[in-house]
Amino acid sequence: MITNENRVNYIMGYECGDLNDTETLELFSHLIKNGMAWNLQGHYGRFAKSLIDDNYIDKDGTINWDYVNELLK
């Protein structure tokens, strides 16, 4: 679970390519929920928008697990 205390570690892991797909979705869900996705460098906002547009995460930051799990079948 991503918290305000460990968020930087997740961002660093993302930047280094160390997060798996689930961790990446959880990170961007967290960043969308607290608005940081739109305040960090441009890539974060663009990627967050792409996850929303592709229905992985809704505009409120909730992960669409039904959709994600369907894609993993």
C-alpha atoms as a PDB file:
ATOM      1  CA  MET A   1       0.000   0.000   0.000  1.00  0.00           C
ATOM      2  CA  ILE A   2       1.316   3.396  -0.940  1.00  0.00           C
ATOM      3  CA  THR A   3       1.282   6.018   1.780  1.00  0.00           C
ATOM      4  CA  ASN A   4       2.523   9.573   1.992  1.00  0.00           C
ATOM      5  CA  GLU A   5       5.525   8.211   3.885  1.00  0.00           C
ATOM      6  CA  ASN A   6       6.639   5.676   1.244  1.00  0.00           C
ATOM      7  CA  ARG A   7       5.437   7.493  -1.879  1.00  0.00           C
ATOM      8  CA  VAL A   8       8.935   8.741  -2.745  1.00  0.00           C
ATOM      9  CA  ASN A   9      10.268   5.175  -2.688  1.00  0.00           C
ATOM     10  CA  TYR A  10       7.570   4.119  -5.148  1.00  0.00           C
ATOM     11  CA  ILE A  11       8.292   7.079  -7.419  1.00  0.00           C
ATOM     12  CA  MET A  12      11.993   6.222  -7.364  1.00  0.00           C
ATOM     13  CA  GLY A  13      11.165   2.588  -8.104  1.00  0.00           C
ATOM     14  CA  TYR A  14       8.984   3.683 -11.021  1.00  0.00           C
ATOM     15  CA  GLU A  15      11.737   5.939 -12.368  1.00  0.00           C
ATOM     16  CA  CYS A  16      14.210   3.029 -12.202  1.00  0.00           C
ATOM     17  CA  GLY A  17      11.785   0.563 -13.837  1.00  0.00           C
ATOM     18  CA  ASP A  18      11.591  -1.573 -10.698  1.00  0.00           C
ATOM     19  CA  LEU A  19       7.784  -1.579 -10.250  1.00  0.00           C
ATOM     20  CA  ASN A  20       5.613  -4.331 -11.666  1.00  0.00           C
ATOM     21  CA  ASP A  21       2.346  -3.515 -13.447  1.00  0.00           C
ATOM     22  CA  THR A  22       0.247  -3.742 -10.275  1.00  0.00           C
ATOM     23  CA  GLU A  23       2.599  -1.478  -8.323  1.00  0.00           C
ATOM     24  CA  THR A  24       2.590   1.014 -11.203  1.00  0.00           C
ATOM     25  CA  LEU A  25      -1.220   1.111 -11.247  1.00  0.00           C
ATOM     26  CA  GLU A  26      -1.276   1.528  -7.475  1.00  0.00           C
ATOM     27  CA  LEU A  27       1.259   4.368  -7.662  1.00  0.00           C
ATOM     28  CA  PHE A  28      -0.686   6.247 -10.324  1.00  0.00           C
ATOM     29  CA  SER A  29      -3.954   5.606  -8.498  1.00  0.00           C
ATOM     30  CA  HIS A  30      -2.392   7.232  -5.430  1.00  0.00           C
ATOM     31  CA  LEU A  31      -0.986  10.147  -7.455  1.00  0.00           C
ATOM     32  CA  ILE A  32      -4.344  10.788  -9.149  1.00  0.00           C
ATOM     33  CA  LYS A  33      -6.266  10.590  -5.862  1.00  0.00           C
ATOM     34  CA  ASN A  34      -4.082  13.193  -4.164  1.00  0.00           C
ATOM     35  CA  GLY A  35      -3.613  15.353  -7.274  1.00  0.00           C
ATOM     36  CA  MET A  36       0.147  14.917  -7.485  1.00  0.00           C
ATOM     37  CA  ALA A  37      -0.062  13.334 -10.949  1.00  0.00           C
ATOM     38  CA  TRP A  38      -0.914  16.769 -12.312  1.00  0.00           C
ATOM     39  CA  ASN A  39       1.855  18.594 -10.423  1.00  0.00           C
ATOM     40  CA  LEU A  40       4.864  16.353 -11.047  1.00  0.00           C
ATOM     41  CA  GLN A  41       6.902  16.509 -14.267  1.00  0.00           C
ATOM     42  CA  GLY A  42       4.838  16.228 -17.430  1.00  0.00           C
ATOM     43  CA  HIS A  43       5.298  12.491 -17.966  1.00  0.00           C
ATOM     44  CA  TYR A  44       3.322  11.704 -14.823  1.00  0.00           C
ATOM     45  CA  GLY A  45       0.293  13.708 -15.905  1.00  0.00           C
ATOM     46  CA  ARG A  46       0.403  12.364 -19.440  1.00  0.00           C
ATOM     47  CA  PHE A  47       0.711   8.758 -18.250  1.00  0.00           C
ATOM     48  CA  ALA A  48      -2.048   9.251 -15.659  1.00  0.00           C
ATOM     49  CA  LYS A  49      -4.318  10.657 -18.381  1.00  0.00           C
ATOM     50  CA  SER A  50      -3.501   7.708 -20.608  1.00  0.00           C
ATOM     51  CA  LEU A  51      -4.406   5.256 -17.813  1.00  0.00           C
ATOM     52  CA  ILE A  52      -7.698   7.106 -17.334  1.00  0.00           C
ATOM     53  CA  ASP A  53      -8.435   7.273 -21.072  1.00  0.00           C
ATOM     54  CA  ASP A  54      -7.701   3.542 -21.397  1.00  0.00           C
ATOM     55  CA  ASN A  55     -10.043   2.725 -18.453  1.00  0.00           C
ATOM     56  CA  TYR A  56      -7.369   1.267 -16.173  1.00  0.00           C
ATOM     57  CA  ILE A  57      -8.081   3.951 -13.562  1.00  0.00           C
ATOM     58  CA  ASP A  58     -11.070   6.272 -13.254  1.00  0.00           C
ATOM     59  CA  LYS A  59     -10.847  10.050 -12.891  1.00  0.00           C
ATOM     60  CA  ASP A  60     -11.053   9.737  -9.094  1.00  0.00           C
ATOM     61  CA  GLY A  61      -8.063   7.389  -8.999  1.00  0.00           C
ATOM     62  CA  THR A  62      -9.920   4.110  -8.457  1.00  0.00           C
ATOM     63  CA  ILE A  63      -8.310   1.189 -10.285  1.00  0.00           C
ATOM     64  CA  ASN A  64     -10.726  -0.689 -12.540  1.00  0.00           C
ATOM     65  CA  TRP A  65      -9.632  -4.157 -11.369  1.00  0.00           C
ATOM     66  CA  ASP A  66     -12.374  -5.922 -13.380  1.00  0.00           C
ATOM     67  CA  TYR A  67     -10.970  -4.424 -16.585  1.00  0.00           C
ATOM     68  CA  VAL A  68      -7.348  -5.064 -15.585  1.00  0.00           C
ATOM     69  CA  ASN A  69      -8.037  -8.688 -14.619  1.00  0.00           C
ATOM     70  CA  GLU A  70      -9.957  -9.269 -17.859  1.00  0.00           C
ATOM     71  CA  LEU A  71      -6.904  -8.147 -19.826  1.00  0.00           C
ATOM     72  CA  LEU A  72      -4.670 -10.516 -17.866  1.00  0.00           C
ATOM     73  CA  LYS A  73      -6.710 -13.615 -18.812  1.00  0.00           C
END
